[in-house]
PDB file of N, CA and C in Angstrom:
ATOM      1  N   MET A   1      22.516 -67.151  -0.749  1.00  0.00           N
ATOM      2  CA  MET A   1      23.594 -67.999  -0.305  1.00  0.00           C
ATOM      3  C   MET A   1      24.773 -67.955  -1.281  1.00  0.00           C
ATOM      4  N   VAL A   2      24.467 -67.964  -2.564  1.00  0.00           N
ATOM      5  CA  VAL A   2      25.515 -67.908  -3.580  1.00  0.00           C
ATOM      6  C   VAL A   2      26.220 -66.561  -3.530  1.00  0.00           C
ATOM      7  N   ASN A   3      25.447 -65.505  -3.249  1.00  0.00           N
ATOM      8  CA  ASN A   3      26.048 -64.171  -3.154  1.00  0.00           C
ATOM      9  C   ASN A   3      27.074 -64.098  -2.024  1.00  0.00           C
ATOM     10  N   ILE A   4      26.784 -64.744  -0.914  1.00  0.00           N
ATOM     11  CA  ILE A   4      27.709 -64.734   0.227  1.00  0.00           C
ATOM     12  C   ILE A   4      29.006 -65.443  -0.153  1.00  0.00           C
ATOM     13  N   ILE A   5      28.893 -66.547  -0.863  1.00  0.00           N
ATOM     14  CA  ILE A   5      30.079 -67.295  -1.290  1.00  0.00           C
ATOM     15  C   ILE A   5      30.916 -66.459  -2.246  1.00  0.00           C
ATOM     16  N   ILE A   6      30.273 -65.790  -3.181  1.00  0.00           N
ATOM     17  CA  ILE A   6      30.986 -64.953  -4.151  1.00  0.00           C
ATOM     18  C   ILE A   6      31.700 -63.804  -3.444  1.00  0.00           C
ATOM     19  N   VAL A   7      31.022 -63.143  -2.514  1.00  0.00           N
ATOM     20  CA  VAL A   7      31.622 -62.039  -1.769  1.00  0.00           C
ATOM     21  C   VAL A   7      32.798 -62.549  -0.938  1.00  0.00           C
ATOM     22  N   SER A   8      32.650 -63.697  -0.321  1.00  0.00           N
ATOM     23  CA  SER A   8      33.732 -64.275   0.472  1.00  0.00           C
ATOM     24  C   SER A   8      34.949 -64.589  -0.394  1.00  0.00           C
ATOM     25  N   ILE A   9      34.709 -65.126  -1.573  1.00  0.00           N
ATOM     26  CA  ILE A   9      35.813 -65.438  -2.484  1.00  0.00           C
ATOM     27  C   ILE A   9      36.529 -64.167  -2.913  1.00  0.00           C
ATOM     28  N   VAL A  10      35.769 -63.130  -3.249  1.00  0.00           N
ATOM     29  CA  VAL A  10      36.367 -61.870  -3.698  1.00  0.00           C
ATOM     30  C   VAL A  10      37.198 -61.239  -2.585  1.00  0.00           C
ATOM     31  N   PHE A  11      36.621 -61.117  -1.387  1.00  0.00           N
ATOM     32  CA  PHE A  11      37.364 -60.497  -0.290  1.00  0.00           C
ATOM     33  C   PHE A  11      38.523 -61.374   0.164  1.00  0.00           C
ATOM     34  N   GLY A  12      38.330 -62.674   0.153  1.00  0.00           N
ATOM     35  CA  GLY A  12      39.422 -63.581   0.498  1.00  0.00           C
ATOM     36  C   GLY A  12      40.579 -63.458  -0.472  1.00  0.00           C
ATOM     37  N   SER A  13      40.272 -63.311  -1.746  1.00  0.00           N
ATOM     38  CA  SER A  13      41.314 -63.130  -2.753  1.00  0.00           C
ATOM     39  C   SER A  13      42.055 -61.819  -2.557  1.00  0.00           C
ATOM     40  N   ILE A  14      41.319 -60.768  -2.223  1.00  0.00           N
ATOM     41  CA  ILE A  14      41.944 -59.460  -1.991  1.00  0.00           C
ATOM     42  C   ILE A  14      42.871 -59.521  -0.784  1.00  0.00           C
ATOM     43  N   VAL A  15      42.428 -60.159   0.292  1.00  0.00           N
ATOM     44  CA  VAL A  15      43.255 -60.278   1.498  1.00  0.00           C
ATOM     45  C   VAL A  15      44.503 -61.114   1.201  1.00  0.00           C
ATOM     46  N   ALA A  16      44.337 -62.220   0.476  1.00  0.00           N
ATOM     47  CA  ALA A  16      45.478 -63.068   0.139  1.00  0.00           C
ATOM     48  C   ALA A  16      46.466 -62.314  -0.744  1.00  0.00           C
ATOM     49  N   LEU A  17      45.989 -61.557  -1.698  1.00  0.00           N
ATOM     50  CA  LEU A  17      46.857 -60.772  -2.572  1.00  0.00           C
ATOM     51  C   LEU A  17      47.610 -59.707  -1.778  1.00  0.00           C
ATOM     52  N   ALA A  18      46.917 -59.036  -0.860  1.00  0.00           N
ATOM     53  CA  ALA A  18      47.566 -58.016  -0.035  1.00  0.00           C
ATOM     54  C   ALA A  18      48.652 -58.644   0.842  1.00  0.00           C
ATOM     55  N   ALA A  19      48.375 -59.822   1.414  1.00  0.00           N
ATOM     56  CA  ALA A  19      49.370 -60.505   2.239  1.00  0.00           C
ATOM     57  C   ALA A  19      50.579 -60.919   1.400  1.00  0.00           C
ATOM     58  N   LEU A  20      50.342 -61.379   0.191  1.00  0.00           N
ATOM     59  CA  LEU A  20      51.429 -61.778  -0.698  1.00  0.00           C
ATOM     60  C   LEU A  20      52.305 -60.586  -1.069  1.00  0.00           C
ATOM     61  N   ILE A  21      51.703 -59.466  -1.382  1.00  0.00           N
ATOM     62  CA  ILE A  21      52.460 -58.269  -1.737  1.00  0.00           C
ATOM     63  C   ILE A  21      53.263 -57.769  -0.536  1.00  0.00           C
ATOM     64  N   CYS A  22      52.640 -57.721   0.642  1.00  0.00           N
ATOM     65  CA  CYS A  22      53.362 -57.269   1.847  1.00  0.00           C
ATOM     66  C   CYS A  22      54.519 -58.201   2.175  1.00  0.00           C
ATOM     67  N   GLY A  23      54.286 -59.499   2.070  1.00  0.00           N
ATOM     68  CA  GLY A  23      55.351 -60.460   2.340  1.00  0.00           C
ATOM     69  C   GLY A  23      56.508 -60.308   1.379  1.00  0.00           C
ATOM     70  N   THR A  24      56.219 -60.095   0.120  1.00  0.00           N
ATOM     71  CA  THR A  24      57.269 -59.909  -0.879  1.00  0.00           C
ATOM     72  C   THR A  24      58.079 -58.653  -0.587  1.00  0.00           C
ATOM     73  N   ILE A  25      57.399 -57.583  -0.243  1.00  0.00           N
ATOM     74  CA  ILE A  25      58.090 -56.325   0.080  1.00  0.00           C
ATOM     75  C   ILE A  25      58.978 -56.508   1.311  1.00  0.00           C
ATOM     76  N   LEU A  26      58.476 -57.188   2.335  1.00  0.00           N
ATOM     77  CA  LEU A  26      59.274 -57.417   3.541  1.00  0.00           C
ATOM     78  C   LEU A  26      60.510 -58.268   3.245  1.00  0.00           C
ATOM     79  N   ILE A  27      60.361 -59.276   2.412  1.00  0.00           N
ATOM     80  CA  ILE A  27      61.507 -60.126   2.055  1.00  0.00           C
ATOM     81  C   ILE A  27      62.552 -59.318   1.297  1.00  0.00           C
ATOM     82  N   ILE A  28      62.118 -58.463   0.384  1.00  0.00           N
ATOM     83  CA  ILE A  28      63.057 -57.634  -0.383  1.00  0.00           C
ATOM     84  C   ILE A  28      63.791 -56.677   0.546  1.00  0.00           C
ATOM     85  N   ILE A  29      63.077 -56.033   1.446  1.00  0.00           N
ATOM     86  CA  ILE A  29      63.708 -55.095   2.379  1.00  0.00           C
ATOM     87  C   ILE A  29      64.695 -55.829   3.284  1.00  0.00           C
ATOM     88  N   LYS A  30      64.305 -56.980   3.768  1.00  0.00           N
ATOM     89  CA  LYS A  30      65.163 -57.754   4.661  1.00  0.00           C
ATOM     90  C   LYS A  30      66.428 -58.220   3.943  1.00  0.00           C
ATOM     91  N   SER A  31      66.297 -58.669   2.712  1.00  0.00           N
ATOM     92  CA  SER A  31      67.468 -59.155   1.984  1.00  0.00           C
ATOM     93  C   SER A  31      68.425 -58.008   1.639  1.00  0.00           C
ATOM     94  N   ARG A  32      67.912 -56.843   1.344  1.00  0.00           N
ATOM     95  CA  ARG A  32      68.782 -55.694   1.066  1.00  0.00           C
ATOM     96  C   ARG A  32      69.500 -55.235   2.321  1.00  0.00           C
ATOM     97  N   GLY A  33      68.821 -55.274   3.453  1.00  0.00           N
ATOM     98  CA  GLY A  33      69.428 -54.855   4.707  1.00  0.00           C
ATOM     99  C   GLY A  33      70.527 -55.809   5.147  1.00  0.00           C
ATOM    100  N   ASN A  34      70.351 -57.080   4.937  1.00  0.00           N
ATOM    101  CA  ASN A  34      71.350 -58.073   5.335  1.00  0.00           C
ATOM    102  C   ASN A  34      72.560 -58.072   4.424  1.00  0.00           C
ATOM    103  N   SER A  35      72.373 -57.783   3.166  1.00  0.00           N
ATOM    104  CA  SER A  35      73.485 -57.887   2.218  1.00  0.00           C
ATOM    105  C   SER A  35      74.504 -56.760   2.402  1.00  0.00           C
ATOM    106  N   ALA A  36      74.091 -55.632   2.966  1.00  0.00           N
ATOM    107  CA  ALA A  36      75.012 -54.510   3.115  1.00  0.00           C
ATOM    108  C   ALA A  36      76.075 -54.794   4.170  1.00  0.00           C
ATOM    109  N   GLY A  37      75.729 -55.423   5.264  1.00  0.00           N
ATOM    110  CA  GLY A  37      76.668 -55.637   6.339  1.00  0.00           C
ATOM    111  C   GLY A  37      77.307 -57.008   6.358  1.00  0.00           C
ATOM    112  N   ARG A  38      77.156 -57.782   5.327  1.00  0.00           N
ATOM    113  CA  ARG A  38      77.641 -59.152   5.340  1.00  0.00           C
ATOM    114  C   ARG A  38      78.701 -59.414   4.290  1.00  0.00           C
ATOM    115  N   GLY A  39      79.535 -58.443   3.999  1.00  0.00           N
ATOM    116  CA  GLY A  39      80.557 -58.620   2.966  1.00  0.00           C
ATOM    117  C   GLY A  39      81.531 -59.724   3.291  1.00  0.00           C
ATOM    118  N   ALA A  40      82.044 -59.749   4.512  1.00  0.00           N
ATOM    119  CA  ALA A  40      83.001 -60.781   4.919  1.00  0.00           C
ATOM    120  C   ALA A  40      82.332 -62.145   4.964  1.00  0.00           C
ATOM    121  N   ALA A  41      81.113 -62.191   5.461  1.00  0.00           N
ATOM    122  CA  ALA A  41      80.400 -63.464   5.529  1.00  0.00           C
ATOM    123  C   ALA A  41      80.126 -63.994   4.127  1.00  0.00           C
ATOM    124  N   ASN A  42      79.798 -63.100   3.190  1.00  0.00           N
ATOM    125  CA  ASN A  42      79.543 -63.538   1.821  1.00  0.00           C
ATOM    126  C   ASN A  42      80.799 -64.109   1.173  1.00  0.00           C
ATOM    127  N   SER A  43      81.949 -63.494   1.425  1.00  0.00           N
ATOM    128  CA  SER A  43      83.177 -64.016   0.830  1.00  0.00           C
ATOM    129  C   SER A  43      83.530 -65.370   1.441  1.00  0.00           C
ATOM    130  N   GLU A  44      83.275 -65.526   2.734  1.00  0.00           N
ATOM    131  CA  GLU A  44      83.520 -66.821   3.386  1.00  0.00           C
ATOM    132  C   GLU A  44      82.576 -67.888   2.822  1.00  0.00           C
ATOM    133  N   GLU A  45      81.317 -67.522   2.643  1.00  0.00           N
ATOM    134  CA  GLU A  45      80.357 -68.461   2.056  1.00  0.00           C
ATOM    135  C   GLU A  45      80.759 -68.832   0.640  1.00  0.00           C
ATOM    136  N   ALA A  46      81.227 -67.860  -0.131  1.00  0.00           N
ATOM    137  CA  ALA A  46      81.660 -68.136  -1.502  1.00  0.00           C
ATOM    138  C   ALA A  46      82.843 -69.095  -1.510  1.00  0.00           C
ATOM    139  N   ARG A  47      83.788 -68.905  -0.578  1.00  0.00           N
ATOM    140  CA  ARG A  47      84.946 -69.787  -0.490  1.00  0.00           C
ATOM    141  C   ARG A  47      84.509 -71.212  -0.143  1.00  0.00           C
ATOM    142  N   ILE A  48      83.589 -71.336   0.792  1.00  0.00           N
ATOM    143  CA  ILE A  48      83.107 -72.658   1.188  1.00  0.00           C
ATOM    144  C   ILE A  48      82.378 -73.339   0.029  1.00  0.00           C
ATOM    145  N   ILE A  49      81.594 -72.579  -0.696  1.00  0.00           N
ATOM    146  CA  ILE A  49      80.871 -73.138  -1.843  1.00  0.00           C
ATOM    147  C   ILE A  49      81.852 -73.601  -2.915  1.00  0.00           C
ATOM    148  N   GLN A  50      82.904 -72.812  -3.169  1.00  0.00           N
ATOM    149  CA  GLN A  50      83.909 -73.209  -4.155  1.00  0.00           C
ATOM    150  C   GLN A  50      84.629 -74.477  -3.721  1.00  0.00           C
ATOM    151  N   GLU A  51      84.975 -74.587  -2.433  1.00  0.00           N
ATOM    152  CA  GLU A  51      85.627 -75.796  -1.941  1.00  0.00           C
ATOM    153  C   GLU A  51      84.706 -77.008  -2.083  1.00  0.00           C
ATOM    154  N   THR A  52      83.450 -76.809  -1.776  1.00  0.00           N
ATOM    155  CA  THR A  52      82.479 -77.899  -1.903  1.00  0.00           C
ATOM    156  C   THR A  52      82.357 -78.330  -3.359  1.00  0.00           C
ATOM    157  N   TYR A  53      82.322 -77.376  -4.255  1.00  0.00           N
ATOM    158  CA  TYR A  53      82.216 -77.689  -5.679  1.00  0.00           C
ATOM    159  C   TYR A  53      83.435 -78.488  -6.148  1.00  0.00           C
ATOM    160  N   ARG A  54      84.632 -78.057  -5.727  1.00  0.00           N
ATOM    161  CA  ARG A  54      85.846 -78.786  -6.108  1.00  0.00           C
ATOM    162  C   ARG A  54      85.826 -80.200  -5.548  1.00  0.00           C
ATOM    163  N   SER A  55      85.379 -80.338  -4.314  1.00  0.00           N
ATOM    164  CA  SER A  55      85.301 -81.661  -3.696  1.00  0.00           C
ATOM    165  C   SER A  55      84.324 -82.554  -4.441  1.00  0.00           C
ATOM    166  N   LEU A  56      83.211 -81.974  -4.866  1.00  0.00           N
ATOM    167  CA  LEU A  56      82.230 -82.754  -5.621  1.00  0.00           C
ATOM    168  C   LEU A  56      82.775 -83.174  -6.981  1.00  0.00           C
ATOM    169  N   GLU A  57      83.578 -82.315  -7.614  1.00  0.00           N
ATOM    170  CA  GLU A  57      84.197 -82.691  -8.886  1.00  0.00           C
ATOM    171  C   GLU A  57      85.149 -83.873  -8.693  1.00  0.00           C
ATOM    172  N   LYS A  58      85.945 -83.817  -7.616  1.00  0.00           N
ATOM    173  CA  LYS A  58      86.858 -84.926  -7.328  1.00  0.00           C
ATOM    174  C   LYS A  58      86.082 -86.204  -7.045  1.00  0.00           C
ATOM    175  N   LEU A  59      84.987 -86.082  -6.300  1.00  0.00           N
ATOM    176  CA  LEU A  59      84.160 -87.238  -5.994  1.00  0.00           C
ATOM    177  C   LEU A  59      83.572 -87.829  -7.267  1.00  0.00           C
ATOM    178  N   GLU A  60      83.154 -86.972  -8.184  1.00  0.00           N
ATOM    179  CA  GLU A  60      82.613 -87.445  -9.456  1.00  0.00           C
ATOM    180  C   GLU A  60      83.662 -88.222 -10.240  1.00  0.00           C
ATOM    181  N   GLU A  61      84.900 -87.736 -10.238  1.00  0.00           N
ATOM    182  CA  GLU A  61      85.976 -88.437 -10.926  1.00  0.00           C
ATOM    183  C   GLU A  61      86.219 -89.805 -10.296  1.00  0.00           C
ATOM    184  N   ARG A  62      86.185 -89.859  -8.974  1.00  0.00           N
ATOM    185  CA  ARG A  62      86.384 -91.135  -8.284  1.00  0.00           C
ATOM    186  C   ARG A  62      85.271 -92.116  -8.606  1.00  0.00           C
ATOM    187  N   ILE A  63      84.050 -91.624  -8.639  1.00  0.00           N
ATOM    188  CA  ILE A  63      82.912 -92.487  -8.961  1.00  0.00           C
ATOM    189  C   ILE A  63      83.038 -93.010 -10.386  1.00  0.00           C
ATOM    190  N   ASP A  64      83.451 -92.150 -11.313  1.00  0.00           N
ATOM    191  CA  ASP A  64      83.661 -92.596 -12.692  1.00  0.00           C
ATOM    192  C   ASP A  64      84.708 -93.692 -12.755  1.00  0.00           C
ATOM    193  N   ALA A  65      85.803 -93.528 -11.993  1.00  0.00           N
ATOM    194  CA  ALA A  65      86.855 -94.547 -11.988  1.00  0.00           C
ATOM    195  C   ALA A  65      86.326 -95.860 -11.415  1.00  0.00           C
ATOM    196  N   LEU A  66      85.561 -95.794 -10.345  1.00  0.00           N
ATOM    197  CA  LEU A  66      84.992 -97.010  -9.759  1.00  0.00           C
ATOM    198  C   LEU A  66      84.019 -97.691 -10.716  1.00  0.00           C
ATOM    199  N   GLU A  67      83.217 -96.903 -11.410  1.00  0.00           N
ATOM    200  CA  GLU A  67      82.293 -97.483 -12.399  1.00  0.00           C
ATOM    201  C   GLU A  67      83.069 -98.196 -13.489  1.00  0.00           C
ATOM    202  N   THR A  68      84.162 -97.592 -13.932  1.00  0.00           N
ATOM    203  CA  THR A  68      84.985 -98.222 -14.965  1.00  0.00           C
ATOM    204  C   THR A  68      85.556 -99.536 -14.456  1.00  0.00           C
ATOM    205  N   ILE A  69      86.050 -99.546 -13.234  1.00  0.00           N
ATOM    206  CA  ILE A  69      86.602-100.772 -12.663  1.00  0.00           C
ATOM    207  C   ILE A  69      85.535-101.850 -12.570  1.00  0.00           C
ATOM    208  N   LEU A  70      84.346-101.485 -12.114  1.00  0.00           N
ATOM    209  CA  LEU A  70      83.268-102.461 -12.001  1.00  0.00           C
ATOM    210  C   LEU A  70      82.831-102.989 -13.363  1.00  0.00           C
ATOM    211  N   MET A  71      82.765-102.112 -14.351  1.00  0.00           N
ATOM    212  CA  MET A  71      82.357-102.543 -15.694  1.00  0.00           C
ATOM    213  C   MET A  71      83.404-103.479 -16.282  1.00  0.00           C
ATOM    214  N   ASP A  72      84.692-103.192 -16.073  1.00  0.00           N
ATOM    215  CA  ASP A  72      85.748-104.077 -16.553  1.00  0.00           C
ATOM    216  C   ASP A  72      85.667-105.433 -15.866  1.00  0.00           C
ATOM    217  N   SER A  73      85.369-105.417 -14.585  1.00  0.00           N
ATOM    218  CA  SER A  73      85.243-106.665 -13.829  1.00  0.00           C
ATOM    219  C   SER A  73      84.075-107.494 -14.366  1.00  0.00           C
ATOM    220  N   GLU A  74      82.976-106.848 -14.657  1.00  0.00           N
ATOM    221  CA  GLU A  74      81.824-107.546 -15.227  1.00  0.00           C
ATOM    222  C   GLU A  74      82.136-108.134 -16.602  1.00  0.00           C
ATOM    223  N   ARG A  75      82.846-107.393 -17.417  1.00  0.00           N
ATOM    224  CA  ARG A  75      83.226-107.884 -18.756  1.00  0.00           C
ATOM    225  C   ARG A  75      84.125-109.101 -18.649  1.00  0.00           C
ATOM    226  N   LYS A  76      85.049-109.082 -17.708  1.00  0.00           N
ATOM    227  CA  LYS A  76      85.946-110.232 -17.540  1.00  0.00           C
ATOM    228  C   LYS A  76      85.155-111.449 -17.083  1.00  0.00           C
ATOM    229  N   LYS A  77      84.194-111.249 -16.177  1.00  0.00           N
ATOM    230  CA  LYS A  77      83.374-112.379 -15.709  1.00  0.00           C
ATOM    231  C   LYS A  77      82.549-112.960 -16.841  1.00  0.00           C
ATOM    232  N   ARG A  78      81.997-112.129 -17.679  1.00  0.00           N
ATOM    233  CA  ARG A  78      81.207-112.616 -18.815  1.00  0.00           C
ATOM    234  C   ARG A  78      82.081-113.358 -19.807  1.00  0.00           C
ATOM    235  N   GLY A  79      83.296-112.856 -19.993  1.00  0.00           N
ATOM    236  CA  GLY A  79      84.217-113.507 -20.936  1.00  0.00           C
ATOM    237  C   GLY A  79      84.678-114.859 -20.457  1.00  0.00           C
ATOM    238  N   GLU A  80      84.801-115.043 -19.165  1.00  0.00           N
ATOM    239  CA  GLU A  80      85.258-116.301 -18.595  1.00  0.00           C
ATOM    240  C   GLU A  80      84.149-117.345 -18.568  1.00  0.00           C
ATOM    241  N   GLN A  81      82.884-116.952 -18.524  1.00  0.00           N
ATOM    242  CA  GLN A  81      81.777-117.909 -18.434  1.00  0.00           C
ATOM    243  C   GLN A  81      81.483-118.491 -19.742  1.00  0.00           C
TER     244      GLN A  81
END
């Protein structure tokens, strides 16, 4: 009974390893094939990502300003009490 379990583990590991290697190879082939014909799409994606990044920087600045306003408001309330 123990021998059957050991054999199952060994063959199961071999099958899982083979599936992992095949999947990795397929992903690499697929990504190389897509990247060759997507030059315009990549530049558009890069532009969108840059715009998003700039927007997030502006949002961060606004949040910092709001935090400062709230902290000043809290300090004034503590000073008045």
